[in-house]
Amino acid sequence: MKRAVISILIAWLLFIGVDFLFHASVFASFWKEDIPAFKPLINLALLIPVGYLSFLLLTVLIGYMFFKLFKSKPHFREVLKFALIFGILFSLSNLFGLFSYINIPIKHLIVFNFIYLIEVIMVTLSLYYLAFSANFKKNLWSSILIFMSLIIIGIVIQNVS
């Protein structure tokens, strides 16, 4: 149980890292566009913790389903299949739901939900590598290093562009 909780928290950190890399740097220009459905940049910045809370809840949901489904170490192929199915269903559901009532250009919705797909796959794979690894401590520190690298790369991209 302790390993599962730690794995979920580290997967959440990686979720934040990937999200920061994409939204704060690679696709930062999307957030600066004048789209009536977006809140002003200052409000968006203040609400980042709420977004990260939503990532935690999604990571807990994925972790809960993952550990209910996989009681012992699964084959990598099974994990990848779970990640793809969950990611595609979640991303498409979110895309269609938002498209149905929010006035955001379709290119934004597609990009944002493609990032969700990447994040869900990354969360699932990190749960697999952390929870079922023989060398938990090593993978834990590697995951923290990956998180810090994602943040640093994002900051570098922000400052270069």
C-alpha atoms as a PDB file:
ATOM      1  CA  MET A   1       0.000   0.000   0.000  1.00  0.00           C
ATOM      2  CA  LYS A   2       2.818   2.416   0.900  1.00  0.00           C
ATOM      3  CA  ARG A   3       4.582   1.743  -2.412  1.00  0.00           C
ATOM      4  CA  ALA A   4       1.313   2.367  -4.298  1.00  0.00           C
ATOM      5  CA  VAL A   5       0.749   5.724  -2.565  1.00  0.00           C
ATOM      6  CA  ILE A   6       4.333   6.855  -3.190  1.00  0.00           C
ATOM      7  CA  SER A   7       4.071   5.682  -6.816  1.00  0.00           C
ATOM      8  CA  ILE A   8       0.875   7.705  -7.290  1.00  0.00           C
ATOM      9  CA  LEU A   9       2.462  10.836  -5.786  1.00  0.00           C
ATOM     10  CA  ILE A  10       5.570  10.509  -7.972  1.00  0.00           C
ATOM     11  CA  ALA A  11       3.391   9.854 -11.042  1.00  0.00           C
ATOM     12  CA  TRP A  12       1.525  13.073 -10.159  1.00  0.00           C
ATOM     13  CA  LEU A  13       4.817  14.982 -10.045  1.00  0.00           C
ATOM     14  CA  LEU A  14       5.678  13.624 -13.480  1.00  0.00           C
ATOM     15  CA  PHE A  15       2.196  14.645 -14.677  1.00  0.00           C
ATOM     16  CA  ILE A  16       2.930  18.193 -13.487  1.00  0.00           C
ATOM     17  CA  GLY A  17       6.349  18.139 -15.143  1.00  0.00           C
ATOM     18  CA  VAL A  18       4.998  17.044 -18.515  1.00  0.00           C
ATOM     19  CA  ASP A  19       2.141  19.545 -18.268  1.00  0.00           C
ATOM     20  CA  PHE A  20       4.567  22.357 -17.425  1.00  0.00           C
ATOM     21  CA  LEU A  21       6.812  21.445 -20.326  1.00  0.00           C
ATOM     22  CA  PHE A  22       3.947  21.551 -22.825  1.00  0.00           C
ATOM     23  CA  HIS A  23       1.662  24.289 -21.494  1.00  0.00           C
ATOM     24  CA  ALA A  24       4.181  26.706 -19.980  1.00  0.00           C
ATOM     25  CA  SER A  25       6.727  26.486 -22.759  1.00  0.00           C
ATOM     26  CA  VAL A  26       6.066  24.485 -25.940  1.00  0.00           C
ATOM     27  CA  PHE A  27       2.457  25.685 -26.386  1.00  0.00           C
ATOM     28  CA  ALA A  28       2.610  28.805 -24.194  1.00  0.00           C
ATOM     29  CA  SER A  29       1.534  30.950 -27.154  1.00  0.00           C
ATOM     30  CA  PHE A  30      -1.874  29.219 -27.151  1.00  0.00           C
ATOM     31  CA  TRP A  31      -2.622  30.701 -23.735  1.00  0.00           C
ATOM     32  CA  LYS A  32      -1.725  34.215 -24.909  1.00  0.00           C
ATOM     33  CA  GLU A  33      -4.230  34.178 -27.758  1.00  0.00           C
ATOM     34  CA  ASP A  34      -7.323  36.321 -27.294  1.00  0.00           C
ATOM     35  CA  ILE A  35     -10.009  33.667 -26.911  1.00  0.00           C
ATOM     36  CA  PRO A  36     -13.162  34.715 -25.013  1.00  0.00           C
ATOM     37  CA  ALA A  37     -13.423  31.321 -23.278  1.00  0.00           C
ATOM     38  CA  PHE A  38      -9.991  31.764 -21.623  1.00  0.00           C
ATOM     39  CA  LYS A  39      -9.663  33.655 -18.374  1.00  0.00           C
ATOM     40  CA  PRO A  40      -7.171  36.535 -18.270  1.00  0.00           C
ATOM     41  CA  LEU A  41      -3.532  35.389 -17.938  1.00  0.00           C
ATOM     42  CA  ILE A  42      -3.270  36.689 -14.356  1.00  0.00           C
ATOM     43  CA  ASN A  43      -6.308  34.612 -13.316  1.00  0.00           C
ATOM     44  CA  LEU A  44      -4.962  31.568 -15.150  1.00  0.00           C
ATOM     45  CA  ALA A  45      -1.660  31.881 -13.281  1.00  0.00           C
ATOM     46  CA  LEU A  46      -3.451  32.125  -9.933  1.00  0.00           C
ATOM     47  CA  LEU A  47      -5.520  29.037 -10.710  1.00  0.00           C
ATOM     48  CA  ILE A  48      -2.571  26.765 -11.556  1.00  0.00           C
ATOM     49  CA  PRO A  49      -2.845  24.998  -8.156  1.00  0.00           C
ATOM     50  CA  VAL A  50      -6.472  24.109  -8.963  1.00  0.00           C
ATOM     51  CA  GLY A  51      -5.311  22.550 -12.224  1.00  0.00           C
ATOM     52  CA  TYR A  52      -2.632  20.597 -10.381  1.00  0.00           C
ATOM     53  CA  LEU A  53      -5.265  19.396  -7.914  1.00  0.00           C
ATOM     54  CA  SER A  54      -7.277  18.105 -10.880  1.00  0.00           C
ATOM     55  CA  PHE A  55      -4.141  16.247 -12.051  1.00  0.00           C
ATOM     56  CA  LEU A  56      -3.796  14.702  -8.590  1.00  0.00           C
ATOM     57  CA  LEU A  57      -7.404  13.503  -8.685  1.00  0.00           C
ATOM     58  CA  LEU A  58      -6.928  12.045 -12.179  1.00  0.00           C
ATOM     59  CA  THR A  59      -3.669  10.383 -11.100  1.00  0.00           C
ATOM     60  CA  VAL A  60      -5.405   8.881  -8.049  1.00  0.00           C
ATOM     61  CA  LEU A  61      -8.189   7.575 -10.317  1.00  0.00           C
ATOM     62  CA  ILE A  62      -5.686   6.035 -12.732  1.00  0.00           C
ATOM     63  CA  GLY A  63      -3.707   4.601  -9.797  1.00  0.00           C
ATOM     64  CA  TYR A  64      -6.821   3.173  -8.172  1.00  0.00           C
ATOM     65  CA  MET A  65      -7.909   1.485 -11.392  1.00  0.00           C
ATOM     66  CA  PHE A  66      -4.352   0.359 -12.141  1.00  0.00           C
ATOM     67  CA  PHE A  67      -3.826  -1.311  -8.765  1.00  0.00           C
ATOM     68  CA  LYS A  68      -7.308  -2.866  -8.774  1.00  0.00           C
ATOM     69  CA  LEU A  69      -6.653  -4.351 -12.206  1.00  0.00           C
ATOM     70  CA  PHE A  70      -3.031  -5.380 -11.672  1.00  0.00           C
ATOM     71  CA  LYS A  71      -2.551  -7.137  -8.324  1.00  0.00           C
ATOM     72  CA  SER A  72       0.801  -8.557  -9.399  1.00  0.00           C
ATOM     73  CA  LYS A  73       3.342  -7.434 -11.959  1.00  0.00           C
ATOM     74  CA  PRO A  74       1.652  -7.393 -15.368  1.00  0.00           C
ATOM     75  CA  HIS A  75       3.307  -7.727 -18.747  1.00  0.00           C
ATOM     76  CA  PHE A  76       4.362  -4.400 -20.221  1.00  0.00           C
ATOM     77  CA  ARG A  77       1.980  -4.950 -23.135  1.00  0.00           C
ATOM     78  CA  GLU A  78      -1.004  -5.130 -20.751  1.00  0.00           C
ATOM     79  CA  VAL A  79       0.053  -1.891 -19.085  1.00  0.00           C
ATOM     80  CA  LEU A  80       0.484  -0.142 -22.409  1.00  0.00           C
ATOM     81  CA  LYS A  81      -2.937  -1.366 -23.539  1.00  0.00           C
ATOM     82  CA  PHE A  82      -4.517  -0.057 -20.311  1.00  0.00           C
ATOM     83  CA  ALA A  83      -2.737   3.301 -20.739  1.00  0.00           C
ATOM     84  CA  LEU A  84      -3.803   3.686 -24.369  1.00  0.00           C
ATOM     85  CA  ILE A  85      -7.430   2.712 -23.744  1.00  0.00           C
ATOM     86  CA  PHE A  86      -7.775   4.927 -20.671  1.00  0.00           C
ATOM     87  CA  GLY A  87      -5.892   7.803 -22.327  1.00  0.00           C
ATOM     88  CA  ILE A  88      -7.863   7.690 -25.574  1.00  0.00           C
ATOM     89  CA  LEU A  89     -11.229   7.392 -23.825  1.00  0.00           C
ATOM     90  CA  PHE A  90     -10.419  10.158 -21.351  1.00  0.00           C
ATOM     91  CA  SER A  91      -8.948  12.505 -23.969  1.00  0.00           C
ATOM     92  CA  LEU A  92     -11.760  12.022 -26.488  1.00  0.00           C
ATOM     93  CA  SER A  93     -14.413  12.335 -23.787  1.00  0.00           C
ATOM     94  CA  ASN A  94     -12.840  15.579 -22.601  1.00  0.00           C
ATOM     95  CA  LEU A  95     -12.431  16.878 -26.166  1.00  0.00           C
ATOM     96  CA  PHE A  96     -16.050  16.185 -27.153  1.00  0.00           C
ATOM     97  CA  GLY A  97     -17.384  17.472 -23.840  1.00  0.00           C
ATOM     98  CA  LEU A  98     -15.512  20.766 -24.053  1.00  0.00           C
ATOM     99  CA  PHE A  99     -16.278  21.148 -27.763  1.00  0.00           C
ATOM    100  CA  SER A 100     -19.984  20.832 -27.008  1.00  0.00           C
ATOM    101  CA  TYR A 101     -20.185  23.880 -24.707  1.00  0.00           C
ATOM    102  CA  ILE A 102     -17.007  25.973 -24.674  1.00  0.00           C
ATOM    103  CA  ASN A 103     -15.951  28.353 -27.431  1.00  0.00           C
ATOM    104  CA  ILE A 104     -12.333  27.262 -27.894  1.00  0.00           C
ATOM    105  CA  PRO A 105     -10.830  26.713 -31.356  1.00  0.00           C
ATOM    106  CA  ILE A 106     -10.715  23.041 -32.294  1.00  0.00           C
ATOM    107  CA  LYS A 107      -6.914  23.168 -32.791  1.00  0.00           C
ATOM    108  CA  HIS A 108      -6.541  24.129 -29.111  1.00  0.00           C
ATOM    109  CA  LEU A 109      -8.860  21.356 -27.982  1.00  0.00           C
ATOM    110  CA  ILE A 110      -6.988  18.798 -30.066  1.00  0.00           C
ATOM    111  CA  VAL A 111      -3.577  19.921 -28.764  1.00  0.00           C
ATOM    112  CA  PHE A 112      -4.722  20.097 -25.136  1.00  0.00           C
ATOM    113  CA  ASN A 113      -6.297  16.653 -25.264  1.00  0.00           C
ATOM    114  CA  PHE A 114      -3.337  15.147 -27.091  1.00  0.00           C
ATOM    115  CA  ILE A 115      -1.225  16.403 -24.180  1.00  0.00           C
ATOM    116  CA  TYR A 116      -3.690  14.692 -21.819  1.00  0.00           C
ATOM    117  CA  LEU A 117      -3.204  11.471 -23.753  1.00  0.00           C
ATOM    118  CA  ILE A 118       0.571  11.741 -23.363  1.00  0.00           C
ATOM    119  CA  GLU A 119       0.181  12.526 -19.652  1.00  0.00           C
ATOM    120  CA  VAL A 120      -2.138   9.577 -18.980  1.00  0.00           C
ATOM    121  CA  ILE A 121       0.234   7.183 -20.757  1.00  0.00           C
ATOM    122  CA  MET A 122       3.190   8.641 -18.822  1.00  0.00           C
ATOM    123  CA  VAL A 123       1.343   8.349 -15.475  1.00  0.00           C
ATOM    124  CA  THR A 124       0.419   4.726 -16.163  1.00  0.00           C
ATOM    125  CA  LEU A 125       3.908   3.739 -17.254  1.00  0.00           C
ATOM    126  CA  SER A 126       5.464   5.477 -14.263  1.00  0.00           C
ATOM    127  CA  LEU A 127       3.086   3.598 -11.938  1.00  0.00           C
ATOM    128  CA  TYR A 128       4.194   0.357 -13.570  1.00  0.00           C
ATOM    129  CA  TYR A 129       7.907   1.108 -13.286  1.00  0.00           C
ATOM    130  CA  LEU A 130       7.657   2.393  -9.732  1.00  0.00           C
ATOM    131  CA  ALA A 131       5.183  -0.020  -8.177  1.00  0.00           C
ATOM    132  CA  PHE A 132       6.503  -3.233  -9.653  1.00  0.00           C
ATOM    133  CA  SER A 133      10.211  -2.518  -9.867  1.00  0.00           C
ATOM    134  CA  ALA A 134      12.787  -4.598  -8.068  1.00  0.00           C
ATOM    135  CA  ASN A 135      14.785  -1.429  -7.396  1.00  0.00           C
ATOM    136  CA  PHE A 136      12.103   0.939  -6.102  1.00  0.00           C
ATOM    137  CA  LYS A 137      14.499   3.485  -4.584  1.00  0.00           C
ATOM    138  CA  LYS A 138      16.513   3.834  -7.787  1.00  0.00           C
ATOM    139  CA  ASN A 139      13.376   4.305  -9.896  1.00  0.00           C
ATOM    140  CA  LEU A 140      12.003   6.767  -7.341  1.00  0.00           C
ATOM    141  CA  TRP A 141      15.100   8.965  -7.586  1.00  0.00           C
ATOM    142  CA  SER A 142      15.182   8.583 -11.371  1.00  0.00           C
ATOM    143  CA  SER A 143      11.566   9.784 -11.520  1.00  0.00           C
ATOM    144  CA  ILE A 144      12.357  12.809  -9.365  1.00  0.00           C
ATOM    145  CA  LEU A 145      15.312  13.586 -11.645  1.00  0.00           C
ATOM    146  CA  ILE A 146      13.031  13.309 -14.696  1.00  0.00           C
ATOM    147  CA  PHE A 147      10.536  15.694 -13.046  1.00  0.00           C
ATOM    148  CA  MET A 148      13.258  18.250 -12.326  1.00  0.00           C
ATOM    149  CA  SER A 149      14.589  17.862 -15.886  1.00  0.00           C
ATOM    150  CA  LEU A 150      11.131  18.512 -17.351  1.00  0.00           C
ATOM    151  CA  ILE A 151      10.829  21.706 -15.300  1.00  0.00           C
ATOM    152  CA  ILE A 152      14.330  22.877 -16.262  1.00  0.00           C
ATOM    153  CA  ILE A 153      13.748  22.134 -19.968  1.00  0.00           C
ATOM    154  CA  GLY A 154      10.447  24.017 -19.780  1.00  0.00           C
ATOM    155  CA  ILE A 155      12.123  27.046 -18.184  1.00  0.00           C
ATOM    156  CA  VAL A 156      14.892  26.986 -20.802  1.00  0.00           C
ATOM    157  CA  ILE A 157      12.324  26.889 -23.622  1.00  0.00           C
ATOM    158  CA  GLN A 158      10.408  29.770 -21.989  1.00  0.00           C
ATOM    159  CA  ASN A 159      13.526  31.896 -21.868  1.00  0.00           C
ATOM    160  CA  VAL A 160      14.718  31.049 -25.368  1.00  0.00           C
ATOM    161  CA  SER A 161      11.430  31.861 -27.077  1.00  0.00           C
END
